């Protein structure tokens, strides 16, 4: 890395704001930080974040079972994981029909709840169907696989991998495609929370504001760093022109992405621990009575993670920053007899099983005084029928209409009234933002569903710049409906260039060739399809018929 002198920086016209979130600075990697911050670096490597990803081959078979099988009775197939001299592998098998085997490239997770795995197919990354769960000490279906049969074809999305790795290199507008190497830094590192270190290193740490120190930021701004990965919602939508890589510590997260939650219905008690840490803390009595002084950093030092045997005493000290020993109404003798003794978090921040992730548990950050304590009514401000979780304190909640449209499109399947809001807003944006490619893609999809194929083509042709495979799929369907199969094939091929592992596009291409009686091309396409997705019994049988 070329070192920049203070003079060079001055000539470049660069100045450091208090947040240090300079858009010009480049990332240098955590190992560079080690030179001056060795003790902090070593401590951080022992935390869950510091161990969030590793090469699968670095995982010893002495640490987890080296072989396991998980049957899929409904499909008549079996998933298997095993370890040999070449490393870790997973396979999917149907007896006497096919074996689809892949080497595991990356292990994701610290192991506290478990480990998931990534397979690499060319420049594309996909989730492996089996994960190891530490709580029960066994292999089972990976998160999400209990709802759908993904095989080895579930892409690793940019927004997911950013929170489990240090410096991923996703290719823009390519779902699951990454540069080579896919990661500049595997595990979460220093710059995930402190921002790019180029200027700080070049100036040898002597320029105030050349790096972000979350402890010196206003609490709500510092929490946006945590929220980026520890705050979910019912919909998370990028702001216009943004990518998830654009967020940098010291910035408000809302500038990059908006996080929405569906407001609870009257009397409904929504209480989840899955990535709801920040919003749960903000509605806690502790937060409200601290008048905003309580923050993530009050209780958590990201560089330090106490051992399980020490956690109770460690966090009790944090509680005693605001409370006293007499605050607890349970007699001291009773508390002392429990294991562990005086366990504040055991009572008020209990771990609960996570329904959507098998065999896993997360901590309740609502800090209830009693297990049956009702949810408070207070929460984030409402924005057009949704709760905007990451609003900037003191500002009027407002997001671009195109961001709301994207949110409604994600939520339409959950509740009918969001589909109504989506259609109403789409109709409005068709007049006010007709050049927006997402609006055109949505209008095209709507017209296609209504059987208006020519109208759909007019809209979809203006949405191709999105680089979204769904647009090419819709274009092909509209053309096929108009008996323009040759043109449909051209768009399917173009879609497969940007999404080569897209099962829907590839299957549609094979069927379109059959419709046009181009059987040689159909057979070649089906062979490629079955090679990539051997679990699809329909296409296997169809290929057998064509072959025979």
Protein backbone atom coordinates (compact mmCIF):
# COMPACT_ATOMS: atom_id res chain seq x y z
CA UNK A 1 0.00 0.00 0.00
CA UNK A 2 1.37 3.41 -0.92
CA UNK A 3 1.82 5.56 2.19
CA UNK A 4 0.36 9.05 1.94
CA UNK A 5 2.11 11.91 3.65
CA UNK A 6 0.17 14.59 5.54
CA UNK A 7 1.25 17.03 2.84
CA UNK A 8 -0.16 14.78 0.13
CA UNK A 9 -3.42 14.51 2.02
CA UNK A 10 -3.61 18.27 2.39
CA UNK A 11 -2.95 18.75 -1.32
CA UNK A 12 -5.73 16.31 -2.06
CA UNK A 13 -8.05 18.60 -0.11
CA UNK A 14 -8.98 15.91 2.40
CA UNK A 15 -10.18 16.79 5.86
CA UNK A 16 -11.43 14.53 8.59
CA UNK A 17 -14.83 14.96 10.14
CA UNK A 18 -15.43 13.97 13.72
CA UNK A 19 -16.89 10.68 12.53
CA UNK A 20 -13.89 9.87 10.36
CA UNK A 21 -16.18 8.35 7.73
CA UNK A 22 -14.13 9.56 4.77
CA UNK A 23 -15.45 8.20 1.48
CA UNK A 24 -11.97 8.46 -0.07
CA UNK A 25 -10.11 6.20 2.37
CA UNK A 26 -9.31 2.61 1.38
CA UNK A 27 -9.38 -0.51 3.53
CA UNK A 28 -6.00 -1.93 4.59
CA UNK A 29 -6.90 -5.10 6.51
CA UNK A 30 -6.80 -6.00 10.19
CA UNK A 31 -3.24 -7.34 10.10
CA UNK A 32 -2.01 -3.80 9.50
CA UNK A 33 -3.76 -2.72 12.70
CA UNK A 34 -1.89 -5.43 14.62
CA UNK A 35 1.34 -3.45 14.37
CA UNK A 36 0.14 -0.80 16.84
CA UNK A 37 -2.78 -2.53 18.55
CA UNK A 38 -1.46 -6.04 19.16
CA UNK A 39 -3.16 -6.68 22.50
CA UNK A 40 -6.57 -5.50 21.28
CA UNK A 41 -6.13 -7.50 18.09
CA UNK A 42 -5.31 -10.72 19.97
CA UNK A 43 -8.27 -10.20 22.30
CA UNK A 44 -10.64 -9.55 19.42
CA UNK A 45 -9.60 -12.75 17.65
CA UNK A 46 -11.04 -14.68 20.61
CA UNK A 47 -14.50 -13.13 20.21
CA UNK A 48 -17.33 -14.51 18.11
CA UNK A 49 -16.91 -11.71 15.56
CA UNK A 50 -13.18 -12.37 15.29
CA UNK A 51 -13.98 -16.00 14.47
CA UNK A 52 -16.95 -15.38 12.17
CA UNK A 53 -15.47 -17.09 9.09
CA UNK A 54 -12.60 -19.38 8.22
CA UNK A 55 -11.52 -21.75 5.49
CA UNK A 56 -13.47 -24.99 5.85
CA UNK A 57 -10.20 -26.95 5.69
CA UNK A 58 -9.05 -25.13 8.84
CA UNK A 59 -11.85 -26.85 10.75
CA UNK A 60 -10.56 -29.97 12.48
CA UNK A 61 -12.64 -33.18 12.35
CA UNK A 62 -11.74 -33.53 16.03
CA UNK A 63 -13.97 -30.51 16.79
CA UNK A 64 -17.20 -31.70 15.14
CA UNK A 65 -18.50 -35.05 13.84
CA UNK A 66 -16.60 -35.90 10.67
CA UNK A 67 -19.51 -37.74 9.06
CA UNK A 68 -23.30 -37.55 9.19
CA UNK A 69 -26.34 -38.25 7.03
CA UNK A 70 -29.70 -36.47 7.03
CA UNK A 71 -32.50 -38.19 5.10
CA UNK A 72 -35.10 -36.23 3.13
CA UNK A 73 -37.94 -38.79 3.18
CA UNK A 74 -40.41 -36.73 1.17
CA UNK A 75 -37.94 -36.40 -1.70
CA UNK A 76 -36.39 -39.87 -1.38
CA UNK A 77 -32.93 -38.33 -1.11
CA UNK A 78 -30.17 -38.13 1.49
CA UNK A 79 -27.81 -35.31 2.43
CA UNK A 80 -24.38 -36.34 3.68
CA UNK A 81 -21.33 -34.59 5.11
CA UNK A 82 -17.93 -36.19 5.43
CA UNK A 83 -14.24 -35.39 5.83
CA UNK A 84 -11.31 -36.94 3.97
CA UNK A 85 -7.73 -36.04 3.07
CA UNK A 86 -8.97 -33.36 0.65
CA UNK A 87 -11.10 -31.62 3.28
CA UNK A 88 -14.82 -31.32 4.02
CA UNK A 89 -17.54 -32.33 1.56
CA UNK A 90 -21.30 -32.46 1.34
CA UNK A 91 -23.40 -34.45 -1.07
CA UNK A 92 -27.00 -35.03 -2.05
CA UNK A 93 -27.89 -38.53 -3.23
CA UNK A 94 -30.84 -40.44 -4.59
CA UNK A 95 -30.04 -44.13 -4.59
CA UNK A 96 -29.21 -45.49 -8.06
CA UNK A 97 -30.12 -42.14 -9.62
CA UNK A 98 -27.56 -39.41 -8.87
CA UNK A 99 -24.85 -38.17 -6.52
CA UNK A 100 -24.23 -34.42 -6.35
CA UNK A 101 -21.06 -33.83 -4.31
CA UNK A 102 -19.33 -30.51 -3.50
CA UNK A 103 -16.24 -29.53 -1.56
CA UNK A 104 -16.90 -27.09 1.28
CA UNK A 105 -14.80 -23.94 0.88
CA UNK A 106 -15.72 -21.69 3.82
CA UNK A 107 -17.09 -22.24 7.32
CA UNK A 108 -19.34 -19.42 8.54
CA UNK A 109 -19.92 -18.77 12.22
CA UNK A 110 -17.96 -18.76 15.45
CA UNK A 111 -19.42 -22.05 16.57
CA UNK A 112 -21.34 -20.54 19.50
CA UNK A 113 -24.65 -21.53 17.89
CA UNK A 114 -23.15 -23.52 15.07
CA UNK A 115 -21.42 -23.47 11.70
CA UNK A 116 -22.80 -23.09 8.18
CA UNK A 117 -20.80 -23.68 5.03
CA UNK A 118 -20.22 -22.16 1.61
CA UNK A 119 -19.43 -23.99 -1.61
CA UNK A 120 -17.80 -22.29 -4.57
CA UNK A 121 -19.01 -23.06 -8.08
CA UNK A 122 -16.80 -21.08 -10.44
CA UNK A 123 -17.02 -17.48 -9.25
CA UNK A 124 -20.36 -18.08 -7.52
CA UNK A 125 -20.89 -18.85 -3.84
CA UNK A 126 -23.75 -20.99 -2.53
CA UNK A 127 -24.90 -22.17 0.86
CA UNK A 128 -24.41 -25.84 1.68
CA UNK A 129 -27.59 -27.66 2.75
CA UNK A 130 -26.23 -29.02 6.06
CA UNK A 131 -25.02 -27.03 9.07
CA UNK A 132 -23.53 -28.11 12.38
CA UNK A 133 -25.46 -27.04 15.49
CA UNK A 134 -23.37 -26.71 18.64
CA UNK A 135 -26.27 -26.79 21.11
CA UNK A 136 -27.26 -30.34 20.19
CA UNK A 137 -23.89 -31.36 18.79
CA UNK A 138 -25.18 -32.64 15.46
CA UNK A 139 -25.59 -31.88 11.76
CA UNK A 140 -29.00 -30.85 10.44
CA UNK A 141 -30.61 -28.80 7.68
CA UNK A 142 -29.13 -25.34 7.22
CA UNK A 143 -31.28 -22.32 8.18
CA UNK A 144 -34.02 -21.87 5.59
CA UNK A 145 -33.75 -25.39 4.19
CA UNK A 146 -36.64 -26.56 6.34
CA UNK A 147 -38.87 -24.40 4.13
CA UNK A 148 -37.49 -25.05 0.64
CA UNK A 149 -35.41 -27.60 -1.27
CA UNK A 150 -32.46 -25.47 -2.36
CA UNK A 151 -29.80 -28.15 -2.81
CA UNK A 152 -26.48 -26.49 -3.59
CA UNK A 153 -28.09 -23.60 -5.46
CA UNK A 154 -28.97 -21.02 -2.79
CA UNK A 155 -26.82 -17.97 -3.62
CA UNK A 156 -24.82 -16.23 -0.90
CA UNK A 157 -26.32 -12.75 -1.04
CA UNK A 158 -24.20 -9.64 -0.56
CA UNK A 159 -26.32 -8.36 2.33
CA UNK A 160 -25.88 -11.63 4.25
CA UNK A 161 -22.18 -12.21 3.75
CA UNK A 162 -21.30 -8.64 4.74
CA UNK A 163 -22.27 -9.42 8.33
CA UNK A 164 -20.37 -12.67 8.54
CA UNK A 165 -17.07 -11.69 6.95
CA UNK A 166 -14.40 -9.02 6.88
CA UNK A 167 -14.06 -7.74 3.32
CA UNK A 168 -16.18 -9.67 0.79
CA UNK A 169 -15.93 -8.79 -2.90
CA UNK A 170 -19.39 -9.26 -4.43
CA UNK A 171 -19.91 -8.36 -8.07
CA UNK A 172 -22.50 -5.60 -8.39
CA UNK A 173 -25.94 -6.74 -9.57
CA UNK A 174 -24.85 -10.39 -9.73
CA UNK A 175 -26.62 -12.48 -7.12
CA UNK A 176 -24.02 -14.85 -5.68
CA UNK A 177 -21.10 -13.87 -7.95
CA UNK A 178 -17.85 -12.69 -6.36
CA UNK A 179 -14.44 -11.55 -7.50
CA UNK A 180 -11.39 -13.75 -7.12
CA UNK A 181 -10.66 -14.05 -4.25
CA UNK A 182 -14.20 -13.72 -2.89
CA UNK A 183 -12.89 -12.30 0.40
CA UNK A 184 -10.05 -9.89 1.08
CA UNK A 185 -10.44 -10.73 4.75
CA UNK A 186 -12.39 -13.72 6.00
CA UNK A 187 -13.55 -12.99 9.54
CA UNK A 188 -15.05 -9.71 10.74
CA UNK A 189 -12.14 -7.37 11.34
CA UNK A 190 -11.13 -4.01 12.75
CA UNK A 191 -12.37 -1.97 9.80
CA UNK A 192 -15.90 -3.37 9.95
CA UNK A 193 -16.44 -1.17 13.02
CA UNK A 194 -13.70 1.45 12.70
CA UNK A 195 -13.94 2.16 8.98
CA UNK A 196 -11.15 2.10 6.39
CA UNK A 197 -7.73 2.62 7.91
CA UNK A 198 -5.70 4.00 4.99
CA UNK A 199 -5.39 7.59 6.25
CA UNK A 200 -4.98 6.57 9.89
CA UNK A 201 -2.08 4.30 8.95
CA UNK A 202 -0.51 6.79 6.55
CA UNK A 203 -0.52 9.48 9.22
CA UNK A 204 0.63 7.00 11.91
CA UNK A 205 -2.47 7.66 13.99
CA UNK A 206 -1.54 11.30 14.59
CA UNK A 207 -4.45 12.92 12.72
CA UNK A 208 -7.62 13.19 14.84
CA UNK A 209 -10.62 11.85 12.97
CA UNK A 210 -8.58 9.76 10.51
CA UNK A 211 -10.24 6.63 11.91
CA UNK A 212 -13.62 6.01 13.53
CA UNK A 213 -13.64 5.36 17.27
CA UNK A 214 -17.22 4.26 18.04
CA UNK A 215 -16.72 5.01 21.73
CA UNK A 216 -16.30 8.71 20.87
CA UNK A 217 -19.37 8.92 18.64
CA UNK A 218 -22.78 9.99 19.95
CA UNK A 219 -24.45 6.79 21.26
CA UNK A 220 -27.21 6.65 18.64
CA UNK A 221 -24.72 7.16 15.80
CA UNK A 222 -22.36 4.53 17.21
CA UNK A 223 -25.26 2.08 17.43
CA UNK A 224 -25.78 2.34 13.69
CA UNK A 225 -22.56 0.35 13.31
CA UNK A 226 -24.09 -2.41 15.44
CA UNK A 227 -27.50 -2.12 13.77
CA UNK A 228 -26.00 -2.83 10.38
CA UNK A 229 -25.71 -6.49 11.38
CA UNK A 230 -27.62 -6.88 14.64
CA UNK A 231 -30.94 -5.30 13.67
CA UNK A 232 -33.27 -7.09 11.35
CA UNK A 233 -36.81 -6.24 10.38
CA UNK A 234 -39.57 -7.36 8.09
CA UNK A 235 -37.98 -5.56 5.13
CA UNK A 236 -34.52 -4.07 4.59
CA UNK A 237 -34.30 -1.96 1.44
CA UNK A 238 -31.34 -0.22 -0.15
CA UNK A 239 -31.73 3.47 -0.79
CA UNK A 240 -31.67 4.57 -4.46
CA UNK A 241 -28.24 4.20 -6.03
CA UNK A 242 -26.73 2.51 -2.97
CA UNK A 243 -25.13 -0.88 -2.33
CA UNK A 244 -24.54 -2.55 1.02
CA UNK A 245 -20.81 -1.88 0.58
CA UNK A 246 -21.49 1.86 0.74
CA UNK A 247 -22.15 1.93 4.48
CA UNK A 248 -19.19 3.08 6.55
CA UNK A 249 -18.89 3.46 10.32
CA UNK A 250 -19.67 6.99 11.45
CA UNK A 251 -22.53 7.36 8.98
CA UNK A 252 -26.25 6.99 9.63
CA UNK A 253 -27.34 3.60 8.32
CA UNK A 254 -30.52 5.13 6.88
CA UNK A 255 -28.34 6.82 4.24
CA UNK A 256 -27.59 3.36 2.84
CA UNK A 257 -30.59 1.23 3.72
CA UNK A 258 -33.98 1.56 5.40
CA UNK A 259 -35.13 -1.09 7.89
CA UNK A 260 -38.89 -1.52 8.23
CA UNK A 261 -41.04 -3.52 10.61
CA UNK A 262 -44.74 -4.27 10.38
CA UNK A 263 -46.48 -2.51 13.29
CA UNK A 264 -48.06 -4.91 15.79
CA UNK A 265 -51.81 -5.20 15.67
CA UNK A 266 -53.79 -4.03 18.74
CA UNK A 267 -53.10 -6.44 21.57
CA UNK A 268 -50.44 -8.31 19.59
CA UNK A 269 -47.24 -9.07 21.52
CA UNK A 270 -44.39 -9.24 19.01
CA UNK A 271 -41.24 -10.21 20.85
CA UNK A 272 -38.38 -11.70 18.85
CA UNK A 273 -34.70 -12.19 19.61
CA UNK A 274 -33.55 -12.88 16.06
CA UNK A 275 -31.56 -9.80 15.03
CA UNK A 276 -33.82 -7.48 17.00
CA UNK A 277 -31.15 -6.44 19.50
CA UNK A 278 -31.27 -2.69 18.95
CA UNK A 279 -35.02 -2.22 18.69
CA UNK A 280 -35.55 -4.51 21.70
CA UNK A 281 -33.08 -2.50 23.77
CA UNK A 282 -34.73 0.79 22.81
CA UNK A 283 -38.13 -0.28 24.12
CA UNK A 284 -36.66 -1.64 27.35
CA UNK A 285 -37.38 0.11 30.63
CA UNK A 286 -33.62 0.35 31.20
CA UNK A 287 -33.15 2.38 28.03
CA UNK A 288 -36.15 4.62 28.60
CA UNK A 289 -35.26 5.43 32.20
CA UNK A 290 -31.63 6.07 31.26
CA UNK A 291 -32.95 8.82 28.96
CA UNK A 292 -30.95 7.42 26.10
CA UNK A 293 -27.67 6.98 27.96
CA UNK A 294 -27.85 3.20 27.70
CA UNK A 295 -26.33 1.95 24.45
CA UNK A 296 -24.80 -1.16 22.96
CA UNK A 297 -21.37 -0.06 24.19
CA UNK A 298 -22.62 0.29 27.77
CA UNK A 299 -22.58 -3.48 28.13
CA UNK A 300 -20.50 -4.70 25.21
CA UNK A 301 -16.83 -4.19 24.45
CA UNK A 302 -16.46 -5.57 20.92
CA UNK A 303 -12.82 -6.41 21.62
CA UNK A 304 -13.64 -8.65 24.59
CA UNK A 305 -15.93 -11.62 25.01
CA UNK A 306 -16.08 -13.22 28.45
CA UNK A 307 -15.84 -16.97 28.70
CA UNK A 308 -19.19 -18.69 29.40
CA UNK A 309 -18.23 -19.32 33.02
CA UNK A 310 -17.40 -15.63 33.46
CA UNK A 311 -20.32 -14.09 31.56
CA UNK A 312 -22.71 -13.84 34.49
CA UNK A 313 -20.29 -11.92 36.71
CA UNK A 314 -19.04 -9.82 33.77
CA UNK A 315 -22.49 -8.56 32.82
CA UNK A 316 -23.58 -8.19 36.45
CA UNK A 317 -20.91 -5.52 36.75
CA UNK A 318 -22.53 -3.75 33.81
CA UNK A 319 -25.93 -3.90 35.52
CA UNK A 320 -24.46 -2.41 38.69
CA UNK A 321 -23.42 0.69 36.75
CA UNK A 322 -27.07 1.76 37.13
CA UNK A 323 -28.52 -0.60 39.73
CA UNK A 324 -27.47 -1.60 43.23
CA UNK A 325 -27.44 -4.94 44.96
CA UNK A 326 -30.64 -3.96 46.78
CA UNK A 327 -32.42 -3.29 43.47
CA UNK A 328 -33.15 -7.00 43.21
CA UNK A 329 -36.13 -8.08 45.32
CA UNK A 330 -35.07 -11.72 45.44
CA UNK A 331 -33.39 -12.41 48.82
CA UNK A 332 -29.61 -12.45 48.69
CA UNK A 333 -29.51 -15.94 50.21
CA UNK A 334 -31.66 -17.29 47.37
CA UNK A 335 -29.59 -15.55 44.71
CA UNK A 336 -26.34 -16.83 46.20
CA UNK A 337 -27.61 -20.41 46.13
CA UNK A 338 -28.29 -20.35 42.40
CA UNK A 339 -25.81 -21.47 39.76
CA UNK A 340 -24.35 -19.16 38.73
CA UNK A 341 -25.00 -16.90 41.72
CA UNK A 342 -26.42 -13.38 41.34
CA UNK A 343 -27.11 -14.02 37.66
CA UNK A 344 -28.79 -10.80 36.50
CA UNK A 345 -28.82 -11.70 32.82
CA UNK A 346 -30.11 -15.20 33.52
CA UNK A 347 -33.34 -13.64 34.84
CA UNK A 348 -33.65 -10.45 32.82
CA UNK A 349 -31.93 -11.30 29.52
CA UNK A 350 -32.67 -15.00 29.10
CA UNK A 351 -31.69 -16.89 26.00
CA UNK A 352 -34.62 -18.18 24.00
CA UNK A 353 -34.79 -20.70 21.21
CA UNK A 354 -34.97 -19.17 17.74
CA UNK A 355 -37.84 -20.73 15.84
CA UNK A 356 -36.51 -19.95 12.35
CA UNK A 357 -33.01 -21.29 13.07
CA UNK A 358 -33.10 -24.82 14.41
CA UNK A 359 -31.24 -25.66 17.61
CA UNK A 360 -30.16 -22.05 18.21
CA UNK A 361 -30.73 -19.51 20.96
CA UNK A 362 -30.28 -15.75 21.23
CA UNK A 363 -30.41 -13.25 24.07
CA UNK A 364 -33.50 -11.18 24.90
CA UNK A 365 -32.34 -7.56 24.77
CA UNK A 366 -35.69 -6.18 25.97
CA UNK A 367 -34.46 -6.75 29.55
CA UNK A 368 -37.89 -7.53 31.05
CA UNK A 369 -38.21 -7.21 34.81
CA UNK A 370 -40.50 -10.27 34.79
CA UNK A 371 -41.01 -12.99 32.18
CA UNK A 372 -44.64 -11.91 31.71
CA UNK A 373 -43.89 -8.20 31.38
CA UNK A 374 -46.00 -6.84 28.51
CA UNK A 375 -44.47 -5.12 25.51
CA UNK A 376 -44.47 -1.31 25.81
CA UNK A 377 -46.35 0.73 23.24
CA UNK A 378 -43.42 2.97 22.39
CA UNK A 379 -41.38 2.27 19.29
CA UNK A 380 -39.94 3.73 16.10
CA UNK A 381 -42.00 6.26 14.21
CA UNK A 382 -44.47 5.09 11.60
CA UNK A 383 -43.68 5.72 7.95
CA UNK A 384 -46.57 5.07 5.54
CA UNK A 385 -47.91 2.08 7.46
CA UNK A 386 -44.53 0.70 8.53
CA UNK A 387 -42.19 1.25 11.45
CA UNK A 388 -38.93 2.81 10.30
CA UNK A 389 -36.52 1.14 12.70
CA UNK A 390 -33.35 3.04 11.85
CA UNK A 391 -34.69 6.58 11.69
CA UNK A 392 -32.28 9.31 12.76
CA UNK A 393 -33.27 10.58 16.22
CA UNK A 394 -34.80 14.04 16.11
CA UNK A 395 -35.51 13.94 12.40
CA UNK A 396 -38.88 13.54 10.76
CA UNK A 397 -39.18 10.02 9.41
CA UNK A 398 -39.07 10.21 5.62
CA UNK A 399 -37.73 7.86 2.98
CA UNK A 400 -37.85 8.06 -0.83
CA UNK A 401 -41.04 6.72 -2.36
CA UNK A 402 -39.08 4.23 -4.47
CA UNK A 403 -37.67 2.79 -1.23
CA UNK A 404 -41.20 2.39 0.13
CA UNK A 405 -42.25 0.71 -3.11
CA UNK A 406 -39.49 -1.86 -2.71
CA UNK A 407 -40.51 -2.45 0.90
CA UNK A 408 -44.14 -2.97 -0.04
CA UNK A 409 -43.12 -5.41 -2.78
CA UNK A 410 -41.24 -7.50 -0.19
CA UNK A 411 -44.15 -7.46 2.25
CA UNK A 412 -47.07 -7.91 -0.17
CA UNK A 413 -47.05 -11.68 0.25
CA UNK A 414 -47.34 -11.38 4.04
CA UNK A 415 -50.36 -9.10 4.35
CA UNK A 416 -52.88 -8.14 1.62
CA UNK A 417 -53.06 -4.47 2.58
CA UNK A 418 -49.38 -4.05 1.67
CA UNK A 419 -50.18 -5.27 -1.84
CA UNK A 420 -52.85 -2.56 -2.03
CA UNK A 421 -50.33 0.06 -0.86
CA UNK A 422 -47.81 -1.32 -3.37
CA UNK A 423 -50.19 -1.05 -6.31
CA UNK A 424 -51.35 2.44 -5.32
CA UNK A 425 -47.78 3.71 -4.97
CA UNK A 426 -46.72 2.00 -8.20
CA UNK A 427 -49.53 3.78 -10.05
CA UNK A 428 -48.36 7.09 -8.58
CA UNK A 429 -44.68 6.52 -9.43
CA UNK A 430 -45.60 5.54 -12.98
CA UNK A 431 -46.53 9.20 -13.38
CA UNK A 432 -43.92 10.90 -11.20
CA UNK A 433 -40.85 8.65 -11.77
CA UNK A 434 -41.49 6.94 -15.11
CA UNK A 435 -37.78 6.61 -15.92
CA UNK A 436 -36.91 4.62 -12.83
CA UNK A 437 -35.97 1.08 -13.98
CA UNK A 438 -37.43 -0.58 -10.88
CA UNK A 439 -40.76 1.15 -11.54
CA UNK A 440 -40.64 -0.02 -15.16
CA UNK A 441 -39.81 -3.59 -14.08
CA UNK A 442 -42.74 -3.57 -11.66
CA UNK A 443 -45.12 -2.15 -14.27
CA UNK A 444 -43.94 -4.77 -16.75
CA UNK A 445 -44.47 -7.61 -14.28
CA UNK A 446 -47.95 -6.31 -13.47
CA UNK A 447 -48.90 -6.00 -17.14
CA UNK A 448 -47.62 -9.52 -17.81
CA UNK A 449 -49.77 -10.92 -15.00
CA UNK A 450 -52.76 -9.16 -16.55
CA UNK A 451 -52.09 -10.70 -19.97
CA UNK A 452 -51.03 -7.38 -21.50
CA UNK A 453 -47.93 -8.75 -23.23
CA UNK A 454 -47.15 -5.86 -25.57
CA UNK A 455 -47.49 -3.38 -22.73
CA UNK A 456 -45.27 -5.60 -20.58
CA UNK A 457 -42.54 -5.60 -23.24
CA UNK A 458 -42.64 -1.81 -23.48
CA UNK A 459 -42.02 -1.48 -19.74
CA UNK A 460 -39.56 -4.34 -19.36
CA UNK A 461 -37.32 -3.12 -22.18
CA UNK A 462 -36.76 0.02 -20.09
CA UNK A 463 -35.84 -2.03 -17.02
CA UNK A 464 -33.03 -4.16 -18.48
CA UNK A 465 -30.39 -1.87 -16.99
CA UNK A 466 -31.30 -3.25 -13.57
CA UNK A 467 -29.32 -6.37 -14.47
CA UNK A 468 -32.04 -8.41 -12.76
CA UNK A 469 -32.57 -11.94 -14.08
CA UNK A 470 -36.29 -11.65 -13.30
CA UNK A 471 -36.64 -8.90 -15.92
CA UNK A 472 -35.17 -11.20 -18.60
CA UNK A 473 -37.45 -13.99 -17.42
CA UNK A 474 -40.50 -11.73 -17.74
CA UNK A 475 -39.35 -10.49 -21.15
CA UNK A 476 -39.03 -14.07 -22.38
CA UNK A 477 -42.48 -15.01 -21.05
CA UNK A 478 -44.15 -12.03 -22.74
CA UNK A 479 -42.41 -12.82 -26.03
CA UNK A 480 -43.33 -16.49 -25.81
CA UNK A 481 -46.97 -15.53 -25.16
CA UNK A 482 -46.81 -13.52 -28.39
CA UNK A 483 -45.43 -16.55 -30.30
CA UNK A 484 -42.04 -14.89 -30.62
CA UNK A 485 -40.11 -17.84 -29.24
CA UNK A 486 -36.86 -17.05 -31.02
CA UNK A 487 -36.66 -13.65 -29.34
CA UNK A 488 -37.63 -15.24 -26.03
CA UNK A 489 -34.65 -17.56 -26.30
CA UNK A 490 -32.33 -14.60 -26.89
CA UNK A 491 -33.48 -12.94 -23.66
CA UNK A 492 -33.23 -16.17 -21.69
CA UNK A 493 -29.64 -16.55 -22.86
CA UNK A 494 -28.89 -12.96 -21.88
CA UNK A 495 -30.37 -13.60 -18.46
CA UNK A 496 -28.22 -16.70 -18.03
CA UNK A 497 -25.09 -14.67 -18.73
CA UNK A 498 -25.72 -12.64 -15.59
CA UNK A 499 -27.25 -15.53 -13.63
CA UNK A 500 -25.77 -18.81 -14.96
CA UNK A 501 -27.04 -20.91 -12.01
CA UNK A 502 -30.64 -19.69 -12.32
CA UNK A 503 -32.75 -22.86 -12.45
CA UNK A 504 -35.91 -21.09 -13.66
CA UNK A 505 -34.17 -19.42 -16.61
CA UNK A 506 -32.40 -22.61 -17.66
CA UNK A 507 -35.52 -24.78 -17.40
CA UNK A 508 -37.56 -22.19 -19.31
CA UNK A 509 -34.91 -22.12 -22.03
CA UNK A 510 -35.06 -25.90 -22.43
CA UNK A 511 -38.86 -25.87 -22.67
CA UNK A 512 -38.80 -22.98 -25.15
CA UNK A 513 -36.43 -24.97 -27.40
CA UNK A 514 -38.88 -27.88 -27.23
CA UNK A 515 -41.78 -25.60 -28.19
CA UNK A 516 -39.79 -24.48 -31.25
CA UNK A 517 -38.90 -28.13 -32.07
CA UNK A 518 -35.21 -27.32 -31.75
CA UNK A 519 -34.54 -30.67 -30.10
CA UNK A 520 -30.75 -30.74 -30.30
CA UNK A 521 -30.51 -27.43 -28.44
CA UNK A 522 -33.23 -28.59 -26.02
CA UNK A 523 -31.29 -31.75 -25.21
CA UNK A 524 -28.05 -29.85 -24.71
CA UNK A 525 -29.79 -27.38 -22.39
CA UNK A 526 -31.46 -30.15 -20.40
CA UNK A 527 -28.15 -31.95 -19.98
CA UNK A 528 -26.64 -28.76 -18.58
CA UNK A 529 -29.66 -28.31 -16.32
CA UNK A 530 -29.52 -31.84 -14.91
CA UNK A 531 -25.78 -31.46 -14.39
CA UNK A 532 -26.39 -28.35 -12.25
CA UNK A 533 -29.66 -29.44 -10.61
CA UNK A 534 -29.74 -33.26 -10.58
CA UNK A 535 -32.37 -33.25 -7.82
CA UNK A 536 -35.05 -32.09 -10.30
CA UNK A 537 -36.87 -35.34 -11.10
CA UNK A 538 -39.11 -33.68 -13.72
CA UNK A 539 -36.15 -32.61 -15.86
CA UNK A 540 -34.33 -35.91 -15.35
CA UNK A 541 -37.37 -37.82 -16.66
CA UNK A 542 -37.85 -35.40 -19.54
CA UNK A 543 -34.20 -35.74 -20.54
CA UNK A 544 -34.51 -39.53 -20.40
CA UNK A 545 -37.47 -39.37 -22.78
CA UNK A 546 -35.57 -37.15 -25.21
CA UNK A 547 -32.47 -39.36 -25.00
CA UNK A 548 -34.44 -42.54 -25.63
